[in-house]
Amino acid sequence: MLFAKCERSLQATKEEAQQRNNVKKRISQFETMIGAKIIALEAQLKTIMDYFKIGISASS
């Protein structure tokens, strides 16, 4: 009886650890995706700023 309780507890602990690892992996993937989107937005912003700099200097 005690052995069965310990075994169930150990299994539950293993499952909880696996769930935590899965959450950590998903968070890491999300952070990577957000980082890539930020880099892309920075590049777009730079392109827009360069376009306006060219437009301003051409009109002066």
PDB file of N, CA and C in Angstrom:
ATOM      1  N   MET A   1       0.831  -1.198   0.000  1.00  0.00           N
ATOM      2  CA  MET A   1       0.000   0.000   0.000  1.00  0.00           C
ATOM      3  C   MET A   1       0.881   1.270   0.000  1.00  0.00           C
ATOM      4  N   LEU A   2       1.830   1.316   0.909  1.00  0.00           N
ATOM      5  CA  LEU A   2       2.718   2.472   0.986  1.00  0.00           C
ATOM      6  C   LEU A   2       3.546   2.599  -0.288  1.00  0.00           C
ATOM      7  N   PHE A   3       4.005   1.458  -0.784  1.00  0.00           N
ATOM      8  CA  PHE A   3       4.783   1.456  -2.025  1.00  0.00           C
ATOM      9  C   PHE A   3       3.958   2.008  -3.180  1.00  0.00           C
ATOM     10  N   ALA A   4       2.691   1.607  -3.272  1.00  0.00           N
ATOM     11  CA  ALA A   4       1.815   2.083  -4.345  1.00  0.00           C
ATOM     12  C   ALA A   4       1.611   3.592  -4.234  1.00  0.00           C
ATOM     13  N   LYS A   5       1.464   4.099  -3.013  1.00  0.00           N
ATOM     14  CA  LYS A   5       1.300   5.551  -2.815  1.00  0.00           C
ATOM     15  C   LYS A   5       2.550   6.298  -3.267  1.00  0.00           C
ATOM     16  N   CYS A   6       3.708   5.775  -2.886  1.00  0.00           N
ATOM     17  CA  CYS A   6       4.973   6.403  -3.278  1.00  0.00           C
ATOM     18  C   CYS A   6       5.142   6.375  -4.791  1.00  0.00           C
ATOM     19  N   GLU A   7       4.771   5.261  -5.392  1.00  0.00           N
ATOM     20  CA  GLU A   7       4.889   5.132  -6.845  1.00  0.00           C
ATOM     21  C   GLU A   7       3.974   6.127  -7.556  1.00  0.00           C
ATOM     22  N   ARG A   8       2.742   6.269  -7.075  1.00  0.00           N
ATOM     23  CA  ARG A   8       1.809   7.242  -7.675  1.00  0.00           C
ATOM     24  C   ARG A   8       2.322   8.668  -7.491  1.00  0.00           C
ATOM     25  N   SER A   9       2.855   8.940  -6.311  1.00  0.00           N
ATOM     26  CA  SER A   9       3.393  10.271  -6.034  1.00  0.00           C
ATOM     27  C   SER A   9       4.576  10.572  -6.945  1.00  0.00           C
ATOM     28  N   LEU A  10       5.444   9.593  -7.117  1.00  0.00           N
ATOM     29  CA  LEU A  10       6.598   9.767  -8.001  1.00  0.00           C
ATOM     30  C   LEU A  10       6.150   9.999  -9.436  1.00  0.00           C
ATOM     31  N   GLN A  11       5.145   9.249  -9.884  1.00  0.00           N
ATOM     32  CA  GLN A  11       4.622   9.421 -11.241  1.00  0.00           C
ATOM     33  C   GLN A  11       4.023  10.816 -11.417  1.00  0.00           C
ATOM     34  N   ALA A  12       3.281  11.269 -10.416  1.00  0.00           N
ATOM     35  CA  ALA A  12       2.691  12.614 -10.485  1.00  0.00           C
ATOM     36  C   ALA A  12       3.793  13.672 -10.540  1.00  0.00           C
ATOM     37  N   THR A  13       4.854  13.473  -9.754  1.00  0.00           N
ATOM     38  CA  THR A  13       5.969  14.419  -9.755  1.00  0.00           C
ATOM     39  C   THR A  13       6.639  14.457 -11.125  1.00  0.00           C
ATOM     40  N   LYS A  14       6.820  13.280 -11.729  1.00  0.00           N
ATOM     41  CA  LYS A  14       7.416  13.217 -13.070  1.00  0.00           C
ATOM     42  C   LYS A  14       6.532  13.929 -14.091  1.00  0.00           C
ATOM     43  N   GLU A  15       5.225  13.728 -13.995  1.00  0.00           N
ATOM     44  CA  GLU A  15       4.300  14.377 -14.935  1.00  0.00           C
ATOM     45  C   GLU A  15       4.321  15.895 -14.755  1.00  0.00           C
ATOM     46  N   GLU A  16       4.374  16.354 -13.512  1.00  0.00           N
ATOM     47  CA  GLU A  16       4.438  17.795 -13.254  1.00  0.00           C
ATOM     48  C   GLU A  16       5.733  18.386 -13.813  1.00  0.00           C
ATOM     49  N   ALA A  17       6.829  17.668 -13.639  1.00  0.00           N
ATOM     50  CA  ALA A  17       8.111  18.140 -14.167  1.00  0.00           C
ATOM     51  C   ALA A  17       8.061  18.219 -15.691  1.00  0.00           C
ATOM     52  N   GLN A  18       7.446  17.221 -16.317  1.00  0.00           N
ATOM     53  CA  GLN A  18       7.310  17.223 -17.777  1.00  0.00           C
ATOM     54  C   GLN A  18       6.450  18.403 -18.244  1.00  0.00           C
ATOM     55  N   GLN A  19       5.375  18.662 -17.510  1.00  0.00           N
ATOM     56  CA  GLN A  19       4.513  19.798 -17.858  1.00  0.00           C
ATOM     57  C   GLN A  19       5.272  21.113 -17.722  1.00  0.00           C
ATOM     58  N   ARG A  20       6.070  21.257 -16.675  1.00  0.00           N
ATOM     59  CA  ARG A  20       6.880  22.477 -16.493  1.00  0.00           C
ATOM     60  C   ARG A  20       7.872  22.632 -17.633  1.00  0.00           C
ATOM     61  N   ASN A  21       8.492  21.533 -18.020  1.00  0.00           N
ATOM     62  CA  ASN A  21       9.442  21.598 -19.137  1.00  0.00           C
ATOM     63  C   ASN A  21       8.739  21.993 -20.423  1.00  0.00           C
ATOM     64  N   ASN A  22       7.542  21.463 -20.646  1.00  0.00           N
ATOM     65  CA  ASN A  22       6.783  21.823 -21.845  1.00  0.00           C
ATOM     66  C   ASN A  22       6.442  23.309 -21.845  1.00  0.00           C
ATOM     67  N   VAL A  23       6.049  23.829 -20.694  1.00  0.00           N
ATOM     68  CA  VAL A  23       5.731  25.255 -20.585  1.00  0.00           C
ATOM     69  C   VAL A  23       6.978  26.094 -20.848  1.00  0.00           C
ATOM     70  N   LYS A  24       8.112  25.674 -20.287  1.00  0.00           N
ATOM     71  CA  LYS A  24       9.368  26.408 -20.506  1.00  0.00           C
ATOM     72  C   LYS A  24       9.724  26.423 -21.990  1.00  0.00           C
ATOM     73  N   LYS A  25       9.532  25.292 -22.667  1.00  0.00           N
ATOM     74  CA  LYS A  25       9.829  25.221 -24.099  1.00  0.00           C
ATOM     75  C   LYS A  25       8.917  26.165 -24.876  1.00  0.00           C
ATOM     76  N   ARG A  26       7.615  26.166 -24.525  1.00  0.00           N
ATOM     77  CA  ARG A  26       6.686  27.061 -25.239  1.00  0.00           C
ATOM     78  C   ARG A  26       7.022  28.519 -24.991  1.00  0.00           C
ATOM     79  N   ILE A  27       7.398  28.865 -23.771  1.00  0.00           N
ATOM     80  CA  ILE A  27       7.780  30.246 -23.462  1.00  0.00           C
ATOM     81  C   ILE A  27       9.013  30.634 -24.272  1.00  0.00           C
ATOM     82  N   SER A  28       9.970  29.738 -24.341  1.00  0.00           N
ATOM     83  CA  SER A  28      11.197  30.004 -25.105  1.00  0.00           C
ATOM     84  C   SER A  28      10.880  30.217 -26.585  1.00  0.00           C
ATOM     85  N   GLN A  29       9.994  29.380 -27.129  1.00  0.00           N
ATOM     86  CA  GLN A  29       9.604  29.534 -28.537  1.00  0.00           C
ATOM     87  C   GLN A  29       8.897  30.875 -28.747  1.00  0.00           C
ATOM     88  N   PHE A  30       8.040  31.251 -27.801  1.00  0.00           N
ATOM     89  CA  PHE A  30       7.318  32.514 -27.895  1.00  0.00           C
ATOM     90  C   PHE A  30       8.295  33.691 -27.835  1.00  0.00           C
ATOM     91  N   GLU A  31       9.270  33.615 -26.919  1.00  0.00           N
ATOM     92  CA  GLU A  31      10.265  34.682 -26.818  1.00  0.00           C
ATOM     93  C   GLU A  31      11.050  34.818 -28.110  1.00  0.00           C
ATOM     94  N   THR A  32      11.417  33.685 -28.709  1.00  0.00           N
ATOM     95  CA  THR A  32      12.158  33.700 -29.976  1.00  0.00           C
ATOM     96  C   THR A  32      11.320  34.346 -31.068  1.00  0.00           C
ATOM     97  N   MET A  33      10.035  33.989 -31.128  1.00  0.00           N
ATOM     98  CA  MET A  33       9.140  34.545 -32.141  1.00  0.00           C
ATOM     99  C   MET A  33       8.995  36.062 -31.949  1.00  0.00           C
ATOM    100  N   ILE A  34       8.801  36.487 -30.705  1.00  0.00           N
ATOM    101  CA  ILE A  34       8.657  37.921 -30.420  1.00  0.00           C
ATOM    102  C   ILE A  34       9.949  38.658 -30.782  1.00  0.00           C
ATOM    103  N   GLY A  35      11.088  38.067 -30.442  1.00  0.00           N
ATOM    104  CA  GLY A  35      12.377  38.687 -30.780  1.00  0.00           C
ATOM    105  C   GLY A  35      12.527  38.865 -32.281  1.00  0.00           C
ATOM    106  N   ALA A  36      12.139  37.851 -33.038  1.00  0.00           N
ATOM    107  CA  ALA A  36      12.234  37.939 -34.500  1.00  0.00           C
ATOM    108  C   ALA A  36      11.301  39.020 -35.035  1.00  0.00           C
ATOM    109  N   LYS A  37      10.120  39.126 -34.465  1.00  0.00           N
ATOM    110  CA  LYS A  37       9.173  40.161 -34.912  1.00  0.00           C
ATOM    111  C   LYS A  37       9.701  41.556 -34.594  1.00  0.00           C
ATOM    112  N   ILE A  38      10.328  41.706 -33.438  1.00  0.00           N
ATOM    113  CA  ILE A  38      10.901  43.010 -33.070  1.00  0.00           C
ATOM    114  C   ILE A  38      12.008  43.388 -34.045  1.00  0.00           C
ATOM    115  N   ILE A  39      12.867  42.434 -34.383  1.00  0.00           N
ATOM    116  CA  ILE A  39      13.950  42.703 -35.343  1.00  0.00           C
ATOM    117  C   ILE A  39      13.369  43.120 -36.692  1.00  0.00           C
ATOM    118  N   ALA A  40      12.311  42.428 -37.131  1.00  0.00           N
ATOM    119  CA  ALA A  40      11.687  42.771 -38.409  1.00  0.00           C
ATOM    120  C   ALA A  40      11.070  44.170 -38.349  1.00  0.00           C
ATOM    121  N   LEU A  41      10.428  44.503 -37.244  1.00  0.00           N
ATOM    122  CA  LEU A  41       9.834  45.834 -37.102  1.00  0.00           C
ATOM    123  C   LEU A  41      10.902  46.920 -37.065  1.00  0.00           C
ATOM    124  N   GLU A  42      12.022  46.638 -36.407  1.00  0.00           N
ATOM    125  CA  GLU A  42      13.121  47.612 -36.387  1.00  0.00           C
ATOM    126  C   GLU A  42      13.635  47.864 -37.798  1.00  0.00           C
ATOM    127  N   ALA A  43      13.745  46.810 -38.587  1.00  0.00           N
ATOM    128  CA  ALA A  43      14.216  46.956 -39.967  1.00  0.00           C
ATOM    129  C   ALA A  43      13.216  47.775 -40.785  1.00  0.00           C
ATOM    130  N   GLN A  44      11.926  47.505 -40.579  1.00  0.00           N
ATOM    131  CA  GLN A  44      10.908  48.278 -41.307  1.00  0.00           C
ATOM    132  C   GLN A  44      10.939  49.738 -40.895  1.00  0.00           C
ATOM    133  N   LEU A  45      11.088  49.982 -39.592  1.00  0.00           N
ATOM    134  CA  LEU A  45      11.144  51.362 -39.103  1.00  0.00           C
ATOM    135  C   LEU A  45      12.356  52.091 -39.682  1.00  0.00           C
ATOM    136  N   LYS A  46      13.489  51.415 -39.735  1.00  0.00           N
ATOM    137  CA  LYS A  46      14.690  52.024 -40.309  1.00  0.00           C
ATOM    138  C   LYS A  46      14.465  52.364 -41.785  1.00  0.00           C
ATOM    139  N   THR A  47      13.829  51.459 -42.507  1.00  0.00           N
ATOM    140  CA  THR A  47      13.533  51.711 -43.920  1.00  0.00           C
ATOM    141  C   THR A  47      12.632  52.932 -44.073  1.00  0.00           C
ATOM    142  N   ILE A  48      11.615  53.018 -43.228  1.00  0.00           N
ATOM    143  CA  ILE A  48      10.695  54.170 -43.283  1.00  0.00           C
ATOM    144  C   ILE A  48      11.440  55.458 -42.947  1.00  0.00           C
ATOM    145  N   MET A  49      12.282  55.406 -41.895  1.00  0.00           N
ATOM    146  CA  MET A  49      13.030  56.602 -41.512  1.00  0.00           C
ATOM    147  C   MET A  49      13.992  57.013 -42.622  1.00  0.00           C
ATOM    148  N   ASP A  50      14.660  56.046 -43.241  1.00  0.00           N
ATOM    149  CA  ASP A  50      15.567  56.359 -44.356  1.00  0.00           C
ATOM    150  C   ASP A  50      14.793  56.980 -45.511  1.00  0.00           C
ATOM    151  N   TYR A  51      13.587  56.462 -45.778  1.00  0.00           N
ATOM    152  CA  TYR A  51      12.766  56.993 -46.860  1.00  0.00           C
ATOM    153  C   TYR A  51      12.431  58.463 -46.591  1.00  0.00           C
ATOM    154  N   PHE A  52      12.045  58.777 -45.351  1.00  0.00           N
ATOM    155  CA  PHE A  52      11.702  60.155 -45.037  1.00  0.00           C
ATOM    156  C   PHE A  52      12.928  61.060 -45.047  1.00  0.00           C
ATOM    157  N   LYS A  53      14.077  60.555 -44.636  1.00  0.00           N
ATOM    158  CA  LYS A  53      15.308  61.352 -44.694  1.00  0.00           C
ATOM    159  C   LYS A  53      15.624  61.697 -46.144  1.00  0.00           C
ATOM    160  N   ILE A  54      15.474  60.732 -47.031  1.00  0.00           N
ATOM    161  CA  ILE A  54      15.716  60.968 -48.453  1.00  0.00           C
ATOM    162  C   ILE A  54      14.702  61.983 -48.983  1.00  0.00           C
ATOM    163  N   GLY A  55      13.441  61.819 -48.572  1.00  0.00           N
ATOM    164  CA  GLY A  55      12.377  62.722 -49.020  1.00  0.00           C
ATOM    165  C   GLY A  55      12.607  64.136 -48.535  1.00  0.00           C
ATOM    166  N   ILE A  56      13.056  64.291 -47.294  1.00  0.00           N
ATOM    167  CA  ILE A  56      13.294  65.623 -46.732  1.00  0.00           C
ATOM    168  C   ILE A  56      14.493  66.273 -47.414  1.00  0.00           C
ATOM    169  N   SER A  57      15.559  65.531 -47.604  1.00  0.00           N
ATOM    170  CA  SER A  57      16.749  66.125 -48.214  1.00  0.00           C
ATOM    171  C   SER A  57      16.509  66.430 -49.701  1.00  0.00           C
ATOM    172  N   ALA A  58      15.664  65.659 -50.361  1.00  0.00           N
ATOM    173  CA  ALA A  58      15.374  65.902 -51.778  1.00  0.00           C
ATOM    174  C   ALA A  58      14.507  67.144 -51.947  1.00  0.00           C
ATOM    175  N   SER A  59      13.637  67.411 -50.961  1.00  0.00           N
ATOM    176  CA  SER A  59      12.743  68.560 -51.097  1.00  0.00           C
ATOM    177  C   SER A  59      13.407  69.856 -50.634  1.00  0.00           C
ATOM    178  N   SER A  60      14.549  69.782 -49.944  1.00  0.00           N
ATOM    179  CA  SER A  60      15.192  71.011 -49.459  1.00  0.00           C
ATOM    180  C   SER A  60      16.030  71.661 -50.522  1.00  0.00           C
TER     181      SER A  60
END
